[in-house]
Amino acid sequence: MRTDIAPGSKSEREALVLETDDGRVLSVRRRGGPAYGIDESVEGASLAALAAGGGSRVALTGTVLAGTLLADAWRPIGLQGEAAPDDPPE
């Protein structure tokens, strides 16, 4: 989903965020994409499209730096509450 990041600061902006399975909230951007504003690239649009379906489960690969996930690859894996294909049955 998109939400405001750093409200009240010089860095205030709307950004794509995700909540990890362990409860952390990270802003997400495509590695090589703009730090601020909308990523107009095809890759950026596909990442934003996944986020538009809030509550979706997404598998992302990348690097976490200072609360930001720099995403290298991503794919949908189902809706929130569904087991991911790699998750063991409960």
N, C-alpha and C. Protein backbone atom coordinates (compact mmCIF):
# COMPACT_ATOMS: atom_id res chain seq x y z
N MET A 1 0.84 -1.17 0.00
CA MET A 1 0.00 0.00 0.00
C MET A 1 0.88 1.24 0.00
N ARG A 2 0.31 2.37 -0.34
CA ARG A 2 1.03 3.63 -0.32
C ARG A 2 0.59 4.39 0.92
N THR A 3 1.55 5.03 1.58
CA THR A 3 1.25 5.81 2.77
C THR A 3 2.27 6.93 2.92
N ASP A 4 1.99 7.88 3.80
CA ASP A 4 2.94 8.97 4.05
C ASP A 4 4.09 8.47 4.90
N ILE A 5 5.28 8.87 4.54
CA ILE A 5 6.51 8.51 5.24
C ILE A 5 7.12 9.80 5.81
N ALA A 6 7.65 9.74 7.01
CA ALA A 6 8.35 10.86 7.66
C ALA A 6 7.52 12.14 7.69
N PRO A 7 6.25 12.07 8.15
CA PRO A 7 5.43 13.28 8.15
C PRO A 7 6.05 14.39 9.00
N GLY A 8 5.96 15.62 8.50
CA GLY A 8 6.48 16.77 9.22
C GLY A 8 7.95 17.03 9.01
N SER A 9 8.64 16.17 8.26
CA SER A 9 10.07 16.37 8.03
C SER A 9 10.31 16.84 6.59
N LYS A 10 11.56 17.21 6.29
CA LYS A 10 11.90 17.58 4.92
C LYS A 10 11.78 16.38 3.99
N SER A 11 11.82 15.17 4.55
CA SER A 11 11.74 13.96 3.75
C SER A 11 10.32 13.43 3.59
N GLU A 12 9.33 14.19 4.05
CA GLU A 12 7.94 13.74 3.97
C GLU A 12 7.57 13.44 2.52
N ARG A 13 6.95 12.27 2.32
CA ARG A 13 6.54 11.86 0.98
C ARG A 13 5.58 10.68 1.08
N GLU A 14 4.90 10.41 -0.01
CA GLU A 14 4.08 9.21 -0.09
C GLU A 14 4.96 8.11 -0.66
N ALA A 15 4.91 6.94 -0.04
CA ALA A 15 5.77 5.85 -0.49
C ALA A 15 5.04 4.51 -0.40
N LEU A 16 5.53 3.56 -1.13
CA LEU A 16 5.05 2.20 -1.08
C LEU A 16 5.61 1.55 0.18
N VAL A 17 4.76 0.92 0.98
CA VAL A 17 5.23 0.26 2.21
C VAL A 17 4.69 -1.16 2.27
N LEU A 18 5.36 -1.99 3.04
CA LEU A 18 4.88 -3.33 3.29
C LEU A 18 5.11 -3.69 4.74
N GLU A 19 4.32 -4.61 5.22
CA GLU A 19 4.51 -5.15 6.56
C GLU A 19 5.05 -6.57 6.38
N THR A 20 6.19 -6.83 7.02
CA THR A 20 6.81 -8.14 6.90
C THR A 20 6.09 -9.15 7.79
N ASP A 21 6.36 -10.42 7.56
CA ASP A 21 5.74 -11.46 8.38
C ASP A 21 6.10 -11.31 9.85
N ASP A 22 7.26 -10.70 10.15
CA ASP A 22 7.65 -10.52 11.55
C ASP A 22 7.19 -9.17 12.11
N GLY A 23 6.34 -8.43 11.37
CA GLY A 23 5.73 -7.21 11.87
C GLY A 23 6.45 -5.92 11.56
N ARG A 24 7.61 -5.97 10.94
CA ARG A 24 8.31 -4.73 10.58
C ARG A 24 7.59 -4.04 9.42
N VAL A 25 7.62 -2.72 9.41
CA VAL A 25 7.06 -1.95 8.30
C VAL A 25 8.24 -1.31 7.57
N LEU A 26 8.33 -1.58 6.27
CA LEU A 26 9.43 -1.08 5.46
C LEU A 26 8.88 -0.31 4.27
N SER A 27 9.55 0.78 3.92
CA SER A 27 9.22 1.41 2.64
C SER A 27 9.92 0.57 1.57
N VAL A 28 9.34 0.54 0.39
CA VAL A 28 9.86 -0.31 -0.68
C VAL A 28 10.07 0.53 -1.92
N ARG A 29 11.21 0.31 -2.55
CA ARG A 29 11.42 0.89 -3.88
C ARG A 29 12.27 -0.06 -4.68
N ARG A 30 12.15 0.04 -5.98
CA ARG A 30 12.92 -0.79 -6.89
C ARG A 30 14.37 -0.33 -6.86
N ARG A 31 15.30 -1.29 -6.76
CA ARG A 31 16.72 -0.91 -6.81
C ARG A 31 16.97 -0.17 -8.12
N GLY A 32 17.54 1.00 -8.02
CA GLY A 32 17.78 1.83 -9.20
C GLY A 32 16.64 2.79 -9.49
N GLY A 33 15.53 2.64 -8.76
CA GLY A 33 14.38 3.52 -8.94
C GLY A 33 14.57 4.81 -8.15
N PRO A 34 13.71 5.80 -8.39
CA PRO A 34 13.85 7.08 -7.69
C PRO A 34 13.57 6.95 -6.19
N ALA A 35 14.33 7.67 -5.38
CA ALA A 35 14.12 7.65 -3.93
C ALA A 35 12.85 8.40 -3.56
N TYR A 36 12.46 9.38 -4.35
CA TYR A 36 11.26 10.18 -4.11
C TYR A 36 10.41 10.16 -5.36
N GLY A 37 9.11 10.26 -5.18
CA GLY A 37 8.21 10.33 -6.32
C GLY A 37 7.83 8.95 -6.83
N ILE A 38 7.10 8.95 -7.92
CA ILE A 38 6.58 7.73 -8.52
C ILE A 38 7.61 7.17 -9.49
N ASP A 39 7.82 5.88 -9.44
CA ASP A 39 8.72 5.19 -10.38
C ASP A 39 7.93 4.95 -11.65
N GLU A 40 8.26 5.68 -12.71
CA GLU A 40 7.50 5.62 -13.97
C GLU A 40 7.92 4.46 -14.87
N SER A 41 8.93 3.69 -14.48
CA SER A 41 9.40 2.59 -15.32
C SER A 41 8.39 1.45 -15.33
N VAL A 42 8.53 0.54 -16.28
CA VAL A 42 7.67 -0.64 -16.36
C VAL A 42 7.83 -1.47 -15.10
N GLU A 43 9.06 -1.64 -14.63
CA GLU A 43 9.30 -2.42 -13.42
C GLU A 43 8.66 -1.76 -12.21
N GLY A 44 8.80 -0.43 -12.11
CA GLY A 44 8.19 0.30 -11.00
C GLY A 44 6.67 0.19 -11.03
N ALA A 45 6.09 0.22 -12.22
CA ALA A 45 4.64 0.09 -12.35
C ALA A 45 4.18 -1.30 -11.93
N SER A 46 4.95 -2.33 -12.24
CA SER A 46 4.54 -3.68 -11.84
C SER A 46 4.62 -3.85 -10.32
N LEU A 47 5.61 -3.24 -9.69
CA LEU A 47 5.72 -3.28 -8.24
C LEU A 47 4.55 -2.51 -7.60
N ALA A 48 4.22 -1.36 -8.14
CA ALA A 48 3.11 -0.57 -7.62
C ALA A 48 1.78 -1.30 -7.82
N ALA A 49 1.63 -2.02 -8.93
CA ALA A 49 0.40 -2.77 -9.19
C ALA A 49 0.19 -3.85 -8.15
N LEU A 50 1.27 -4.51 -7.73
CA LEU A 50 1.15 -5.52 -6.67
C LEU A 50 0.68 -4.86 -5.38
N ALA A 51 1.19 -3.68 -5.10
CA ALA A 51 0.84 -2.98 -3.86
C ALA A 51 -0.59 -2.47 -3.90
N ALA A 52 -1.12 -2.20 -5.08
CA ALA A 52 -2.47 -1.66 -5.19
C ALA A 52 -3.50 -2.64 -4.65
N GLY A 53 -3.19 -3.92 -4.68
CA GLY A 53 -4.09 -4.92 -4.11
C GLY A 53 -3.77 -5.11 -2.65
N GLY A 54 -3.83 -4.06 -1.84
CA GLY A 54 -3.49 -4.11 -0.43
C GLY A 54 -4.00 -5.38 0.23
N GLY A 55 -3.22 -5.95 1.12
CA GLY A 55 -3.58 -7.19 1.76
C GLY A 55 -3.04 -8.40 1.01
N SER A 56 -2.39 -8.14 -0.12
CA SER A 56 -1.79 -9.22 -0.88
C SER A 56 -0.49 -9.66 -0.23
N ARG A 57 -0.16 -10.92 -0.41
CA ARG A 57 1.15 -11.41 0.01
C ARG A 57 2.06 -11.38 -1.20
N VAL A 58 3.27 -10.86 -0.99
CA VAL A 58 4.22 -10.68 -2.07
C VAL A 58 5.57 -11.21 -1.60
N ALA A 59 6.24 -11.95 -2.45
CA ALA A 59 7.61 -12.38 -2.15
C ALA A 59 8.55 -11.39 -2.83
N LEU A 60 9.43 -10.78 -2.03
CA LEU A 60 10.39 -9.81 -2.55
C LEU A 60 11.79 -10.27 -2.22
N THR A 61 12.70 -10.00 -3.13
CA THR A 61 14.11 -10.26 -2.89
C THR A 61 14.83 -8.93 -3.02
N GLY A 62 15.69 -8.62 -2.06
CA GLY A 62 16.42 -7.37 -2.13
C GLY A 62 17.25 -7.15 -0.89
N THR A 63 17.55 -5.89 -0.62
CA THR A 63 18.41 -5.50 0.49
C THR A 63 17.68 -4.47 1.34
N VAL A 64 17.70 -4.66 2.67
CA VAL A 64 17.10 -3.69 3.58
C VAL A 64 18.20 -2.76 4.08
N LEU A 65 17.97 -1.46 3.86
CA LEU A 65 18.90 -0.43 4.32
C LEU A 65 18.09 0.66 5.01
N ALA A 66 18.34 0.89 6.29
CA ALA A 66 17.71 1.98 7.05
C ALA A 66 16.20 2.04 6.86
N GLY A 67 15.54 0.89 6.96
CA GLY A 67 14.08 0.85 6.90
C GLY A 67 13.49 0.87 5.51
N THR A 68 14.34 0.77 4.48
CA THR A 68 13.88 0.72 3.09
C THR A 68 14.32 -0.59 2.46
N LEU A 69 13.39 -1.27 1.81
CA LEU A 69 13.72 -2.48 1.05
C LEU A 69 13.98 -2.07 -0.39
N LEU A 70 15.21 -2.26 -0.84
CA LEU A 70 15.56 -2.04 -2.24
C LEU A 70 15.28 -3.35 -2.96
N ALA A 71 14.18 -3.41 -3.69
CA ALA A 71 13.71 -4.66 -4.28
C ALA A 71 14.40 -4.95 -5.60
N ASP A 72 14.90 -6.18 -5.71
CA ASP A 72 15.49 -6.66 -6.96
C ASP A 72 14.48 -7.48 -7.76
N ALA A 73 13.65 -8.26 -7.06
CA ALA A 73 12.67 -9.12 -7.73
C ALA A 73 11.45 -9.24 -6.82
N TRP A 74 10.29 -9.45 -7.41
CA TRP A 74 9.05 -9.58 -6.64
C TRP A 74 8.05 -10.40 -7.43
N ARG A 75 7.16 -11.04 -6.67
CA ARG A 75 6.08 -11.81 -7.30
C ARG A 75 4.95 -11.97 -6.29
N PRO A 76 3.71 -12.02 -6.76
CA PRO A 76 2.59 -12.25 -5.85
C PRO A 76 2.59 -13.70 -5.38
N ILE A 77 2.17 -13.93 -4.14
CA ILE A 77 2.09 -15.31 -3.64
C ILE A 77 0.75 -15.61 -3.00
N GLY A 78 -0.22 -14.70 -3.09
CA GLY A 78 -1.55 -14.98 -2.55
C GLY A 78 -2.08 -13.83 -1.72
N LEU A 79 -3.22 -14.06 -1.11
CA LEU A 79 -3.85 -13.05 -0.27
C LEU A 79 -3.43 -13.22 1.17
N GLN A 80 -3.52 -12.13 1.93
CA GLN A 80 -3.18 -12.17 3.35
C GLN A 80 -4.03 -13.23 4.02
N GLY A 81 -3.41 -14.06 4.86
CA GLY A 81 -4.12 -15.12 5.56
C GLY A 81 -4.01 -16.46 4.86
N GLU A 82 -3.66 -16.44 3.56
CA GLU A 82 -3.46 -17.69 2.84
C GLU A 82 -2.02 -18.15 3.07
N ALA A 83 -1.83 -19.46 3.05
CA ALA A 83 -0.47 -19.99 3.16
C ALA A 83 0.25 -19.73 1.84
N ALA A 84 1.49 -19.32 1.92
CA ALA A 84 2.31 -19.14 0.73
C ALA A 84 2.68 -20.52 0.22
N PRO A 85 2.97 -20.65 -1.10
CA PRO A 85 3.31 -21.96 -1.63
C PRO A 85 4.47 -22.64 -0.91
N ASP A 86 5.41 -21.85 -0.36
CA ASP A 86 6.56 -22.43 0.34
C ASP A 86 6.28 -22.68 1.83
N ASP A 87 5.15 -22.15 2.34
CA ASP A 87 4.86 -22.28 3.76
C ASP A 87 4.40 -23.70 4.07
N PRO A 88 4.88 -24.25 5.19
CA PRO A 88 4.38 -25.58 5.58
C PRO A 88 2.94 -25.47 6.04
N PRO A 89 2.14 -26.52 5.85
CA PRO A 89 0.76 -26.48 6.35
C PRO A 89 0.73 -26.35 7.86
N GLU A 90 -0.29 -25.64 8.37
CA GLU A 90 -0.40 -25.47 9.83
C GLU A 90 -1.21 -26.57 10.44
